[in-house]
Amino acid sequence: MNKKIFFLALLLLGSISYSQKLDCSKFKNGKFYSKISTSSFVIKDTMMEDFNAGDFLVWTWSIKWINDCEYEAVCTISTNEFIAVGDKMIVTIKVIDGECFEFDRKLIDKKFADGSDTKSFYNCIKKSN
């Protein structure tokens, strides 16, 4: 019995020490693009701008980092009916793969006041040419 408890404790300790903390610092400022669409966005300090089809500005957001890999964004400019000024979203970076990252976006607006509109996206750092 004691051997089983010791083994389980050792296994749990090993799994905790093996799990890695995400380092999201390189995604706090920069230009990012989607690998599956023409959308992109720029984060600079406390502001984010979303673009579609190249350089067409769709939304501007005021952002506040909650922790190293999660931020809250409030829409300040909208040129699209889908998101209105004042709508919020919570963005959580889940996986980092080199210069790319997967994140969940939880939209909080009049239609989804409970934040049930949650989607995952995959973006990468856009290198300057």
C-alpha atoms as a PDB file:
ATOM      1  CA  MET A   1       0.000   0.000   0.000  1.00  0.00           C
ATOM      2  CA  ASN A   2       2.787   2.439   0.942  1.00  0.00           C
ATOM      3  CA  LYS A   3       4.624   1.579  -2.292  1.00  0.00           C
ATOM      4  CA  LYS A   4       1.519   2.454  -4.337  1.00  0.00           C
ATOM      5  CA  ILE A   5       1.102   5.807  -2.571  1.00  0.00           C
ATOM      6  CA  PHE A   6       4.808   6.560  -3.009  1.00  0.00           C
ATOM      7  CA  PHE A   7       4.634   5.634  -6.704  1.00  0.00           C
ATOM      8  CA  LEU A   8       1.545   7.809  -7.280  1.00  0.00           C
ATOM      9  CA  ALA A   9       3.156  10.734  -5.454  1.00  0.00           C
ATOM     10  CA  LEU A  10       6.333  10.330  -7.523  1.00  0.00           C
ATOM     11  CA  LEU A  11       4.303  10.149 -10.730  1.00  0.00           C
ATOM     12  CA  LEU A  12       2.331  13.277  -9.807  1.00  0.00           C
ATOM     13  CA  LEU A  13       5.491  15.184  -8.877  1.00  0.00           C
ATOM     14  CA  GLY A  14       7.106  14.183 -12.155  1.00  0.00           C
ATOM     15  CA  SER A  15       4.152  15.334 -14.224  1.00  0.00           C
ATOM     16  CA  ILE A  16       4.017  18.678 -12.408  1.00  0.00           C
ATOM     17  CA  SER A  17       7.719  19.363 -12.888  1.00  0.00           C
ATOM     18  CA  TYR A  18       7.547  18.301 -16.545  1.00  0.00           C
ATOM     19  CA  SER A  19       4.759  20.705 -17.506  1.00  0.00           C
ATOM     20  CA  GLN A  20       6.171  23.875 -19.029  1.00  0.00           C
ATOM     21  CA  LYS A  21       5.005  27.405 -18.377  1.00  0.00           C
ATOM     22  CA  LEU A  22       4.250  29.268 -21.590  1.00  0.00           C
ATOM     23  CA  ASP A  23       6.436  32.284 -22.353  1.00  0.00           C
ATOM     24  CA  CYS A  24       4.090  34.620 -24.241  1.00  0.00           C
ATOM     25  CA  SER A  25       6.324  37.711 -24.062  1.00  0.00           C
ATOM     26  CA  LYS A  26       7.147  37.686 -27.787  1.00  0.00           C
ATOM     27  CA  PHE A  27       3.428  37.955 -28.605  1.00  0.00           C
ATOM     28  CA  LYS A  28       2.766  41.129 -26.565  1.00  0.00           C
ATOM     29  CA  ASN A  29       3.998  43.482 -29.312  1.00  0.00           C
ATOM     30  CA  GLY A  30       4.217  42.790 -33.017  1.00  0.00           C
ATOM     31  CA  LYS A  31       2.473  42.033 -36.288  1.00  0.00           C
ATOM     32  CA  PHE A  32       0.685  38.700 -36.617  1.00  0.00           C
ATOM     33  CA  TYR A  33      -1.001  36.903 -39.517  1.00  0.00           C
ATOM     34  CA  SER A  34      -3.408  34.019 -39.948  1.00  0.00           C
ATOM     35  CA  LYS A  35      -2.183  30.996 -41.885  1.00  0.00           C
ATOM     36  CA  ILE A  36      -5.715  30.216 -43.149  1.00  0.00           C
ATOM     37  CA  SER A  37      -7.142  33.636 -44.076  1.00  0.00           C
ATOM     38  CA  THR A  38      -6.129  37.135 -45.152  1.00  0.00           C
ATOM     39  CA  SER A  39      -6.625  38.574 -41.672  1.00  0.00           C
ATOM     40  CA  SER A  40      -3.851  40.013 -39.546  1.00  0.00           C
ATOM     41  CA  PHE A  41      -3.480  42.090 -36.411  1.00  0.00           C
ATOM     42  CA  VAL A  42      -0.974  44.351 -34.711  1.00  0.00           C
ATOM     43  CA  ILE A  43      -0.452  44.600 -30.960  1.00  0.00           C
ATOM     44  CA  LYS A  44       1.433  47.594 -29.624  1.00  0.00           C
ATOM     45  CA  ASP A  45       1.453  47.997 -25.853  1.00  0.00           C
ATOM     46  CA  THR A  46      -2.215  48.539 -24.891  1.00  0.00           C
ATOM     47  CA  MET A  47      -3.683  48.723 -28.408  1.00  0.00           C
ATOM     48  CA  MET A  48      -4.570  46.131 -31.027  1.00  0.00           C
ATOM     49  CA  GLU A  49      -5.705  46.681 -34.615  1.00  0.00           C
ATOM     50  CA  ASP A  50      -7.397  43.949 -36.699  1.00  0.00           C
ATOM     51  CA  PHE A  51      -7.037  44.024 -40.473  1.00  0.00           C
ATOM     52  CA  ASN A  52      -8.747  42.072 -43.230  1.00  0.00           C
ATOM     53  CA  ALA A  53      -7.707  41.584 -46.861  1.00  0.00           C
ATOM     54  CA  GLY A  54      -4.335  43.179 -46.378  1.00  0.00           C
ATOM     55  CA  ASP A  55      -4.471  46.673 -44.933  1.00  0.00           C
ATOM     56  CA  PHE A  56      -8.222  47.243 -44.439  1.00  0.00           C
ATOM     57  CA  LEU A  57      -8.728  48.199 -40.778  1.00  0.00           C
ATOM     58  CA  VAL A  58     -11.727  46.368 -39.319  1.00  0.00           C
ATOM     59  CA  TRP A  59     -11.433  46.923 -35.546  1.00  0.00           C
ATOM     60  CA  THR A  60      -9.304  48.747 -33.013  1.00  0.00           C
ATOM     61  CA  TRP A  61      -9.130  47.430 -29.457  1.00  0.00           C
ATOM     62  CA  SER A  62      -7.877  48.718 -26.141  1.00  0.00           C
ATOM     63  CA  ILE A  63      -6.156  45.824 -24.408  1.00  0.00           C
ATOM     64  CA  LYS A  64      -5.266  45.069 -20.809  1.00  0.00           C
ATOM     65  CA  TRP A  65      -3.024  42.105 -20.022  1.00  0.00           C
ATOM     66  CA  ILE A  66      -4.544  39.927 -17.283  1.00  0.00           C
ATOM     67  CA  ASN A  67      -1.470  37.705 -17.051  1.00  0.00           C
ATOM     68  CA  ASP A  68       1.482  36.761 -19.257  1.00  0.00           C
ATOM     69  CA  CYS A  69      -0.666  34.824 -21.754  1.00  0.00           C
ATOM     70  CA  GLU A  70      -4.145  36.352 -21.447  1.00  0.00           C
ATOM     71  CA  TYR A  71      -5.627  39.761 -22.172  1.00  0.00           C
ATOM     72  CA  GLU A  72      -8.978  41.510 -22.217  1.00  0.00           C
ATOM     73  CA  ALA A  73      -9.784  43.672 -25.234  1.00  0.00           C
ATOM     74  CA  VAL A  74     -12.506  46.299 -25.573  1.00  0.00           C
ATOM     75  CA  CYS A  75     -13.492  47.441 -29.072  1.00  0.00           C
ATOM     76  CA  THR A  76     -12.914  51.193 -29.556  1.00  0.00           C
ATOM     77  CA  ILE A  77     -13.402  51.426 -33.352  1.00  0.00           C
ATOM     78  CA  SER A  78     -15.520  49.135 -35.544  1.00  0.00           C
ATOM     79  CA  THR A  79     -16.065  49.197 -39.314  1.00  0.00           C
ATOM     80  CA  ASN A  80     -18.011  45.923 -39.246  1.00  0.00           C
ATOM     81  CA  GLU A  81     -21.464  44.962 -37.926  1.00  0.00           C
ATOM     82  CA  PHE A  82     -20.195  41.757 -36.320  1.00  0.00           C
ATOM     83  CA  ILE A  83     -18.495  43.556 -33.405  1.00  0.00           C
ATOM     84  CA  ALA A  84     -19.648  46.892 -31.976  1.00  0.00           C
ATOM     85  CA  VAL A  85     -17.781  49.560 -30.056  1.00  0.00           C
ATOM     86  CA  GLY A  86     -17.803  48.496 -26.404  1.00  0.00           C
ATOM     87  CA  ASP A  87     -17.860  44.738 -27.121  1.00  0.00           C
ATOM     88  CA  LYS A  88     -15.229  42.752 -25.234  1.00  0.00           C
ATOM     89  CA  MET A  89     -13.191  39.654 -25.770  1.00  0.00           C
ATOM     90  CA  ILE A  90     -10.880  37.608 -23.615  1.00  0.00           C
ATOM     91  CA  VAL A  91      -7.909  36.147 -25.490  1.00  0.00           C
ATOM     92  CA  THR A  92      -5.924  33.268 -24.002  1.00  0.00           C
ATOM     93  CA  ILE A  93      -2.777  31.914 -25.656  1.00  0.00           C
ATOM     94  CA  LYS A  94      -2.921  28.124 -25.276  1.00  0.00           C
ATOM     95  CA  VAL A  95      -0.087  26.663 -27.355  1.00  0.00           C
ATOM     96  CA  ILE A  96       3.169  28.102 -28.690  1.00  0.00           C
ATOM     97  CA  ASP A  97       4.916  26.480 -31.643  1.00  0.00           C
ATOM     98  CA  GLY A  98       8.025  28.481 -32.546  1.00  0.00           C
ATOM     99  CA  GLU A  99       6.855  31.785 -34.026  1.00  0.00           C
ATOM    100  CA  CYS A 100       3.195  30.687 -34.071  1.00  0.00           C
ATOM    101  CA  PHE A 101       0.581  30.369 -31.377  1.00  0.00           C
ATOM    102  CA  GLU A 102      -2.899  28.986 -30.861  1.00  0.00           C
ATOM    103  CA  PHE A 103      -5.328  31.071 -28.854  1.00  0.00           C
ATOM    104  CA  ASP A 104      -8.916  30.986 -27.696  1.00  0.00           C
ATOM    105  CA  ARG A 105     -11.049  34.087 -28.187  1.00  0.00           C
ATOM    106  CA  LYS A 106     -14.127  34.489 -25.996  1.00  0.00           C
ATOM    107  CA  LEU A 107     -16.434  37.217 -27.321  1.00  0.00           C
ATOM    108  CA  ILE A 108     -18.625  39.032 -24.804  1.00  0.00           C
ATOM    109  CA  ASP A 109     -21.273  41.197 -26.485  1.00  0.00           C
ATOM    110  CA  LYS A 110     -25.054  41.770 -26.456  1.00  0.00           C
ATOM    111  CA  LYS A 111     -25.748  38.474 -28.191  1.00  0.00           C
ATOM    112  CA  PHE A 112     -23.231  36.445 -26.142  1.00  0.00           C
ATOM    113  CA  ALA A 113     -23.239  38.212 -22.767  1.00  0.00           C
ATOM    114  CA  ASP A 114     -22.111  34.990 -21.086  1.00  0.00           C
ATOM    115  CA  GLY A 115     -19.046  34.671 -23.342  1.00  0.00           C
ATOM    116  CA  SER A 116     -20.348  31.463 -24.925  1.00  0.00           C
ATOM    117  CA  ASP A 117     -19.030  32.525 -28.355  1.00  0.00           C
ATOM    118  CA  THR A 118     -15.568  30.989 -27.978  1.00  0.00           C
ATOM    119  CA  LYS A 119     -13.375  30.099 -30.956  1.00  0.00           C
ATOM    120  CA  SER A 120      -9.789  28.970 -31.441  1.00  0.00           C
ATOM    121  CA  PHE A 121      -7.374  30.586 -33.876  1.00  0.00           C
ATOM    122  CA  TYR A 122      -3.797  29.976 -35.042  1.00  0.00           C
ATOM    123  CA  ASN A 123      -1.553  32.928 -35.897  1.00  0.00           C
ATOM    124  CA  CYS A 124       2.136  33.584 -36.466  1.00  0.00           C
ATOM    125  CA  ILE A 125       4.551  36.492 -36.149  1.00  0.00           C
ATOM    126  CA  LYS A 126       4.714  38.458 -39.385  1.00  0.00           C
ATOM    127  CA  LYS A 127       8.318  39.090 -40.390  1.00  0.00           C
ATOM    128  CA  SER A 128       9.238  42.398 -42.013  1.00  0.00           C
ATOM    129  CA  ASN A 129      10.393  42.115 -45.622  1.00  0.00           C
END
